Amino acid sequence: MKKYLILFFACLLSLNLFAQEKPVKIVFDVTSDDVKVHQKAVRHVKMMSEAYPDSDFEIVVYSGALDMVLNDKSSVAEDLSKLAQDEHVTVAVCNGTMARENKDGTALLPGVKVVPDGILEIAQKQSQGWSYIKEQ
């Protein structure tokens, strides 16, 4: 039993060392109004930001996903607000989507940044070498 515990911890330590090798930059595209998609996106960013603390992550919200970042409608408000406090995590929402829905910055969760256009934000990140994940 002792051998298995030592082996387990050795594997865990080696995985942790490999996981920290090179920081990454990933932008997450969230457009769905499905609460499960919102939860999944937050879970992915939370787990990855913990595993790769020197990496950068951005969640870009637009279209049907607007409720994800609204004070009175978000099903992930607590977790998203905590993520937004991490210097390596950005939560961004499309200004065009907010304008279409007659929302302003006062409706947003703390820490959510407004960008002029969600699609353009993603395109700019990709042109800077960021990886792209579409949350569905």
N, C-alpha and C. Protein backbone atom coordinates (compact mmCIF):
# COMPACT_ATOMS: atom_id res chain seq x y z
N MET A 1 0.83 -1.20 0.00
CA MET A 1 0.00 0.00 0.00
C MET A 1 0.87 1.26 0.00
N LYS A 2 1.94 1.22 0.78
CA LYS A 2 2.82 2.38 0.87
C LYS A 2 3.46 2.67 -0.49
N LYS A 3 3.82 1.60 -1.23
CA LYS A 3 4.41 1.77 -2.55
C LYS A 3 3.45 2.48 -3.49
N TYR A 4 2.16 2.10 -3.40
CA TYR A 4 1.16 2.71 -4.28
C TYR A 4 0.97 4.19 -3.96
N LEU A 5 0.99 4.52 -2.69
CA LEU A 5 0.86 5.93 -2.31
C LEU A 5 2.05 6.75 -2.81
N ILE A 6 3.24 6.20 -2.65
CA ILE A 6 4.44 6.90 -3.13
C ILE A 6 4.38 7.07 -4.64
N LEU A 7 3.99 6.02 -5.35
CA LEU A 7 3.86 6.08 -6.80
C LEU A 7 2.82 7.12 -7.22
N PHE A 8 1.68 7.12 -6.52
CA PHE A 8 0.62 8.07 -6.80
C PHE A 8 1.11 9.52 -6.66
N PHE A 9 1.76 9.81 -5.55
CA PHE A 9 2.24 11.18 -5.32
C PHE A 9 3.37 11.56 -6.27
N ALA A 10 4.20 10.60 -6.65
CA ALA A 10 5.25 10.87 -7.62
C ALA A 10 4.63 11.23 -8.98
N CYS A 11 3.60 10.49 -9.37
CA CYS A 11 2.91 10.79 -10.63
C CYS A 11 2.23 12.15 -10.58
N LEU A 12 1.58 12.42 -9.47
CA LEU A 12 0.91 13.70 -9.30
C LEU A 12 1.90 14.86 -9.39
N LEU A 13 3.03 14.72 -8.75
CA LEU A 13 4.06 15.75 -8.79
C LEU A 13 4.60 15.93 -10.20
N SER A 14 4.85 14.84 -10.90
CA SER A 14 5.39 14.96 -12.25
C SER A 14 4.37 15.58 -13.20
N LEU A 15 3.10 15.26 -13.04
CA LEU A 15 2.06 15.87 -13.87
C LEU A 15 2.00 17.37 -13.62
N ASN A 16 2.10 17.75 -12.38
CA ASN A 16 2.07 19.17 -12.03
C ASN A 16 3.26 19.91 -12.65
N LEU A 17 4.43 19.29 -12.65
CA LEU A 17 5.60 19.93 -13.24
C LEU A 17 5.44 20.08 -14.74
N PHE A 18 4.90 19.06 -15.42
CA PHE A 18 4.68 19.15 -16.86
C PHE A 18 3.61 20.17 -17.19
N ALA A 19 2.60 20.29 -16.35
CA ALA A 19 1.48 21.20 -16.61
C ALA A 19 1.93 22.66 -16.56
N GLN A 20 3.01 22.94 -15.86
CA GLN A 20 3.45 24.31 -15.67
C GLN A 20 4.51 24.76 -16.68
N GLU A 21 4.84 23.93 -17.66
CA GLU A 21 5.94 24.21 -18.56
C GLU A 21 5.84 25.54 -19.29
N LYS A 22 4.81 25.74 -20.08
CA LYS A 22 4.73 26.93 -20.91
C LYS A 22 3.34 27.56 -20.78
N PRO A 23 3.28 28.84 -20.44
CA PRO A 23 1.98 29.51 -20.35
C PRO A 23 1.26 29.51 -21.71
N VAL A 24 -0.05 29.47 -21.64
CA VAL A 24 -0.88 29.51 -22.85
C VAL A 24 -1.79 30.73 -22.78
N LYS A 25 -2.41 31.04 -23.92
CA LYS A 25 -3.40 32.11 -23.99
C LYS A 25 -4.58 31.56 -24.75
N ILE A 26 -5.74 31.54 -24.09
CA ILE A 26 -6.93 30.95 -24.70
C ILE A 26 -8.11 31.89 -24.56
N VAL A 27 -8.82 32.11 -25.67
CA VAL A 27 -10.05 32.90 -25.66
C VAL A 27 -11.23 31.93 -25.83
N PHE A 28 -12.22 32.09 -24.96
CA PHE A 28 -13.42 31.25 -24.97
C PHE A 28 -14.59 32.06 -25.52
N ASP A 29 -15.22 31.54 -26.54
CA ASP A 29 -16.35 32.18 -27.24
C ASP A 29 -17.65 31.60 -26.67
N VAL A 30 -18.47 32.46 -26.04
CA VAL A 30 -19.73 32.00 -25.45
C VAL A 30 -20.87 32.82 -26.04
N THR A 31 -21.76 32.14 -26.79
CA THR A 31 -22.90 32.81 -27.40
C THR A 31 -24.23 32.16 -27.04
N SER A 32 -24.20 31.03 -26.40
CA SER A 32 -25.41 30.27 -26.11
C SER A 32 -26.19 30.84 -24.92
N ASP A 33 -27.50 30.73 -24.99
CA ASP A 33 -28.32 31.12 -23.84
C ASP A 33 -28.52 29.96 -22.87
N ASP A 34 -27.91 28.83 -23.15
CA ASP A 34 -28.02 27.62 -22.33
C ASP A 34 -27.18 27.77 -21.06
N VAL A 35 -27.81 27.68 -19.92
CA VAL A 35 -27.15 27.81 -18.63
C VAL A 35 -26.05 26.75 -18.46
N LYS A 36 -26.27 25.57 -19.01
CA LYS A 36 -25.25 24.52 -18.90
C LYS A 36 -23.98 24.89 -19.65
N VAL A 37 -24.11 25.60 -20.75
CA VAL A 37 -22.94 26.08 -21.49
C VAL A 37 -22.21 27.13 -20.65
N HIS A 38 -22.94 28.01 -19.99
CA HIS A 38 -22.34 29.02 -19.12
C HIS A 38 -21.54 28.34 -18.00
N GLN A 39 -22.16 27.35 -17.39
CA GLN A 39 -21.51 26.63 -16.29
C GLN A 39 -20.25 25.91 -16.79
N LYS A 40 -20.34 25.32 -17.96
CA LYS A 40 -19.20 24.60 -18.52
C LYS A 40 -18.05 25.56 -18.82
N ALA A 41 -18.35 26.72 -19.40
CA ALA A 41 -17.31 27.69 -19.72
C ALA A 41 -16.59 28.16 -18.45
N VAL A 42 -17.36 28.46 -17.43
CA VAL A 42 -16.77 28.90 -16.17
C VAL A 42 -15.93 27.78 -15.55
N ARG A 43 -16.44 26.57 -15.59
CA ARG A 43 -15.70 25.43 -15.05
C ARG A 43 -14.38 25.24 -15.79
N HIS A 44 -14.41 25.32 -17.12
CA HIS A 44 -13.18 25.15 -17.91
C HIS A 44 -12.15 26.21 -17.55
N VAL A 45 -12.56 27.46 -17.51
CA VAL A 45 -11.62 28.54 -17.21
C VAL A 45 -11.11 28.44 -15.78
N LYS A 46 -11.99 28.11 -14.86
CA LYS A 46 -11.59 27.97 -13.46
C LYS A 46 -10.53 26.88 -13.31
N MET A 47 -10.79 25.71 -13.88
CA MET A 47 -9.85 24.59 -13.76
C MET A 47 -8.53 24.91 -14.46
N MET A 48 -8.59 25.49 -15.63
CA MET A 48 -7.37 25.78 -16.37
C MET A 48 -6.56 26.89 -15.72
N SER A 49 -7.23 27.90 -15.17
CA SER A 49 -6.49 28.98 -14.52
C SER A 49 -5.81 28.50 -13.24
N GLU A 50 -6.38 27.49 -12.61
CA GLU A 50 -5.74 26.91 -11.43
C GLU A 50 -4.56 26.03 -11.84
N ALA A 51 -4.73 25.27 -12.92
CA ALA A 51 -3.67 24.36 -13.38
C ALA A 51 -2.52 25.12 -14.04
N TYR A 52 -2.83 26.24 -14.68
CA TYR A 52 -1.83 27.03 -15.41
C TYR A 52 -1.89 28.48 -14.93
N PRO A 53 -1.41 28.76 -13.73
CA PRO A 53 -1.59 30.09 -13.13
C PRO A 53 -0.90 31.23 -13.87
N ASP A 54 0.09 30.93 -14.72
CA ASP A 54 0.77 31.99 -15.47
C ASP A 54 0.19 32.19 -16.86
N SER A 55 -0.86 31.45 -17.18
CA SER A 55 -1.50 31.55 -18.49
C SER A 55 -2.61 32.58 -18.46
N ASP A 56 -3.01 33.04 -19.66
CA ASP A 56 -4.07 34.04 -19.77
C ASP A 56 -5.30 33.43 -20.43
N PHE A 57 -6.46 33.81 -19.91
CA PHE A 57 -7.73 33.31 -20.39
C PHE A 57 -8.70 34.47 -20.53
N GLU A 58 -9.51 34.44 -21.58
CA GLU A 58 -10.55 35.45 -21.75
C GLU A 58 -11.83 34.76 -22.19
N ILE A 59 -12.91 35.09 -21.50
CA ILE A 59 -14.25 34.64 -21.89
C ILE A 59 -14.92 35.81 -22.59
N VAL A 60 -15.31 35.61 -23.85
CA VAL A 60 -15.99 36.66 -24.60
C VAL A 60 -17.45 36.26 -24.75
N VAL A 61 -18.33 37.10 -24.22
CA VAL A 61 -19.76 36.83 -24.18
C VAL A 61 -20.47 37.77 -25.14
N TYR A 62 -21.33 37.20 -25.98
CA TYR A 62 -22.15 38.03 -26.86
C TYR A 62 -23.37 37.25 -27.31
N SER A 63 -24.24 37.92 -28.02
CA SER A 63 -25.47 37.32 -28.55
C SER A 63 -26.34 36.76 -27.42
N GLY A 64 -26.77 35.52 -27.55
CA GLY A 64 -27.69 34.91 -26.59
C GLY A 64 -27.13 34.67 -25.21
N ALA A 65 -25.83 34.81 -25.04
CA ALA A 65 -25.21 34.53 -23.74
C ALA A 65 -25.19 35.72 -22.79
N LEU A 66 -25.79 36.83 -23.19
CA LEU A 66 -25.72 38.05 -22.38
C LEU A 66 -26.12 37.81 -20.93
N ASP A 67 -27.15 37.02 -20.69
CA ASP A 67 -27.60 36.78 -19.31
C ASP A 67 -26.49 36.26 -18.41
N MET A 68 -25.50 35.61 -18.99
CA MET A 68 -24.39 35.05 -18.23
C MET A 68 -23.67 36.12 -17.41
N VAL A 69 -23.64 37.36 -17.88
CA VAL A 69 -22.88 38.42 -17.21
C VAL A 69 -23.76 39.50 -16.57
N LEU A 70 -25.07 39.28 -16.55
CA LEU A 70 -25.98 40.27 -15.97
C LEU A 70 -26.22 40.00 -14.49
N ASN A 71 -26.18 41.06 -13.69
CA ASN A 71 -26.39 40.96 -12.23
C ASN A 71 -27.63 40.17 -11.86
N ASP A 72 -28.72 40.47 -12.52
CA ASP A 72 -30.01 39.89 -12.10
C ASP A 72 -30.39 38.60 -12.82
N LYS A 73 -29.54 38.10 -13.72
CA LYS A 73 -29.91 36.91 -14.48
C LYS A 73 -28.86 35.81 -14.52
N SER A 74 -27.65 36.09 -14.12
CA SER A 74 -26.56 35.13 -14.27
C SER A 74 -26.73 33.93 -13.33
N SER A 75 -26.58 32.74 -13.91
CA SER A 75 -26.61 31.52 -13.11
C SER A 75 -25.21 31.18 -12.58
N VAL A 76 -24.20 31.92 -13.03
CA VAL A 76 -22.81 31.67 -12.64
C VAL A 76 -22.17 32.91 -12.01
N ALA A 77 -22.99 33.76 -11.45
CA ALA A 77 -22.53 35.07 -10.96
C ALA A 77 -21.38 34.97 -9.98
N GLU A 78 -21.51 34.13 -8.99
CA GLU A 78 -20.48 34.04 -7.95
C GLU A 78 -19.14 33.57 -8.52
N ASP A 79 -19.17 32.48 -9.27
CA ASP A 79 -17.93 31.95 -9.85
C ASP A 79 -17.34 32.90 -10.88
N LEU A 80 -18.18 33.53 -11.69
CA LEU A 80 -17.69 34.44 -12.72
C LEU A 80 -17.05 35.68 -12.09
N SER A 81 -17.66 36.19 -11.03
CA SER A 81 -17.09 37.35 -10.34
C SER A 81 -15.74 37.02 -9.72
N LYS A 82 -15.60 35.82 -9.18
CA LYS A 82 -14.31 35.40 -8.62
C LYS A 82 -13.26 35.28 -9.73
N LEU A 83 -13.65 34.69 -10.84
CA LEU A 83 -12.71 34.55 -11.96
C LEU A 83 -12.25 35.92 -12.45
N ALA A 84 -13.16 36.85 -12.53
CA ALA A 84 -12.84 38.19 -13.04
C ALA A 84 -11.83 38.92 -12.16
N GLN A 85 -11.66 38.48 -10.93
CA GLN A 85 -10.69 39.09 -10.02
C GLN A 85 -9.27 38.59 -10.28
N ASP A 86 -9.13 37.49 -11.01
CA ASP A 86 -7.83 36.92 -11.33
C ASP A 86 -7.17 37.79 -12.40
N GLU A 87 -5.93 38.21 -12.18
CA GLU A 87 -5.25 39.08 -13.14
C GLU A 87 -5.01 38.41 -14.49
N HIS A 88 -5.11 37.09 -14.54
CA HIS A 88 -4.88 36.36 -15.79
C HIS A 88 -6.19 35.95 -16.48
N VAL A 89 -7.31 36.38 -15.94
CA VAL A 89 -8.62 36.05 -16.52
C VAL A 89 -9.37 37.33 -16.82
N THR A 90 -9.90 37.42 -18.04
CA THR A 90 -10.72 38.55 -18.43
C THR A 90 -12.09 38.01 -18.83
N VAL A 91 -13.13 38.68 -18.37
CA VAL A 91 -14.49 38.38 -18.79
C VAL A 91 -14.96 39.61 -19.56
N ALA A 92 -15.26 39.41 -20.84
CA ALA A 92 -15.63 40.53 -21.70
C ALA A 92 -17.00 40.30 -22.31
N VAL A 93 -17.73 41.38 -22.49
CA VAL A 93 -19.05 41.31 -23.12
C VAL A 93 -19.10 42.32 -24.27
N CYS A 94 -19.82 41.96 -25.30
CA CYS A 94 -19.96 42.76 -26.51
C CYS A 94 -20.87 43.97 -26.27
N ASN A 95 -20.37 45.16 -26.57
CA ASN A 95 -21.17 46.37 -26.43
C ASN A 95 -22.37 46.37 -27.38
N GLY A 96 -22.19 45.82 -28.58
CA GLY A 96 -23.30 45.75 -29.53
C GLY A 96 -24.46 44.91 -29.00
N THR A 97 -24.14 43.80 -28.38
CA THR A 97 -25.17 42.94 -27.78
C THR A 97 -25.87 43.69 -26.65
N MET A 98 -25.10 44.38 -25.83
CA MET A 98 -25.70 45.14 -24.73
C MET A 98 -26.62 46.22 -25.26
N ALA A 99 -26.21 46.92 -26.32
CA ALA A 99 -27.04 47.98 -26.89
C ALA A 99 -28.35 47.41 -27.45
N ARG A 100 -28.26 46.27 -28.13
CA ARG A 100 -29.48 45.64 -28.68
C ARG A 100 -30.46 45.26 -27.59
N GLU A 101 -29.92 44.90 -26.43
CA GLU A 101 -30.77 44.49 -25.30
C GLU A 101 -31.04 45.62 -24.31
N ASN A 102 -30.66 46.84 -24.69
CA ASN A 102 -30.87 48.03 -23.85
C ASN A 102 -30.28 47.87 -22.45
N LYS A 103 -29.05 47.39 -22.39
CA LYS A 103 -28.34 47.22 -21.12
C LYS A 103 -27.12 48.14 -21.11
N ASP A 104 -26.76 48.59 -19.91
CA ASP A 104 -25.53 49.38 -19.79
C ASP A 104 -24.64 48.73 -18.73
N GLY A 105 -23.51 49.36 -18.47
CA GLY A 105 -22.53 48.80 -17.55
C GLY A 105 -23.03 48.53 -16.15
N THR A 106 -24.06 49.25 -15.71
CA THR A 106 -24.59 49.05 -14.36
C THR A 106 -25.29 47.69 -14.22
N ALA A 107 -25.66 47.08 -15.33
CA ALA A 107 -26.34 45.79 -15.29
C ALA A 107 -25.38 44.61 -15.19
N LEU A 108 -24.08 44.90 -15.33
CA LEU A 108 -23.09 43.82 -15.39
C LEU A 108 -22.56 43.40 -14.03
N LEU A 109 -22.13 42.15 -13.96
CA LEU A 109 -21.45 41.65 -12.78
C LEU A 109 -20.14 42.41 -12.58
N PRO A 110 -19.68 42.53 -11.34
CA PRO A 110 -18.41 43.21 -11.09
C PRO A 110 -17.27 42.54 -11.85
N GLY A 111 -16.40 43.36 -12.43
CA GLY A 111 -15.23 42.84 -13.11
C GLY A 111 -15.40 42.54 -14.58
N VAL A 112 -16.64 42.60 -15.08
CA VAL A 112 -16.88 42.32 -16.50
C VAL A 112 -16.52 43.56 -17.30
N LYS A 113 -15.72 43.35 -18.34
CA LYS A 113 -15.25 44.45 -19.19
C LYS A 113 -16.10 44.48 -20.46
N VAL A 114 -16.40 45.68 -20.93
CA VAL A 114 -17.17 45.86 -22.16
C VAL A 114 -16.19 46.08 -23.31
N VAL A 115 -16.37 45.30 -24.39
CA VAL A 115 -15.55 45.47 -25.60
C VAL A 115 -16.48 45.92 -26.72
N PRO A 116 -15.96 46.68 -27.69
CA PRO A 116 -16.82 47.21 -28.76
C PRO A 116 -17.58 46.13 -29.52
N ASP A 117 -16.91 45.01 -29.81
CA ASP A 117 -17.54 43.95 -30.60
C ASP A 117 -16.95 42.60 -30.18
N GLY A 118 -17.79 41.65 -29.84
CA GLY A 118 -17.33 40.35 -29.37
C GLY A 118 -16.55 39.57 -30.41
N ILE A 119 -17.05 39.56 -31.64
CA ILE A 119 -16.38 38.81 -32.70
C ILE A 119 -15.02 39.45 -33.01
N LEU A 120 -14.98 40.77 -33.07
CA LEU A 120 -13.72 41.46 -33.32
C LEU A 120 -12.72 41.18 -32.19
N GLU A 121 -13.19 41.16 -30.97
CA GLU A 121 -12.32 40.86 -29.82
C GLU A 121 -11.66 39.49 -29.99
N ILE A 122 -12.46 38.51 -30.39
CA ILE A 122 -11.93 37.16 -30.60
C ILE A 122 -10.94 37.15 -31.76
N ALA A 123 -11.28 37.81 -32.85
CA ALA A 123 -10.38 37.86 -34.01
C ALA A 123 -9.05 38.51 -33.65
N GLN A 124 -9.10 39.58 -32.86
CA GLN A 124 -7.86 40.25 -32.45
C GLN A 124 -7.01 39.34 -31.57
N LYS A 125 -7.65 38.62 -30.66
CA LYS A 125 -6.90 37.69 -29.81
C LYS A 125 -6.24 36.62 -30.66
N GLN A 126 -6.98 36.08 -31.63
CA GLN A 126 -6.41 35.04 -32.49
C GLN A 126 -5.23 35.58 -33.29
N SER A 127 -5.32 36.82 -33.76
CA SER A 127 -4.22 37.39 -34.52
C SER A 127 -2.99 37.63 -33.64
N GLN A 128 -3.19 37.64 -32.33
CA GLN A 128 -2.09 37.79 -31.37
C GLN A 128 -1.58 36.44 -30.89
N GLY A 129 -2.08 35.37 -31.50
CA GLY A 129 -1.60 34.03 -31.16
C GLY A 129 -2.39 33.28 -30.11
N TRP A 130 -3.53 33.82 -29.69
CA TRP A 130 -4.36 33.14 -28.71
C TRP A 130 -5.06 31.95 -29.36
N SER A 131 -5.21 30.88 -28.61
CA SER A 131 -6.00 29.72 -29.05
C SER A 131 -7.47 30.04 -28.86
N TYR A 132 -8.32 29.36 -29.62
CA TYR A 132 -9.76 29.65 -29.63
C TYR A 132 -10.55 28.40 -29.23
N ILE A 133 -11.49 28.60 -28.30
CA ILE A 133 -12.41 27.53 -27.90
C ILE A 133 -13.82 28.06 -28.01
N LYS A 134 -14.67 27.36 -28.75
CA LYS A 134 -16.09 27.69 -28.84
C LYS A 134 -16.83 26.82 -27.83
N GLU A 135 -17.41 27.46 -26.84
CA GLU A 135 -18.19 26.72 -25.83
C GLU A 135 -19.58 26.44 -26.37
N GLN A 136 -19.96 25.17 -26.37
CA GLN A 136 -21.27 24.78 -26.87
C GLN A 136 -21.94 23.84 -25.90
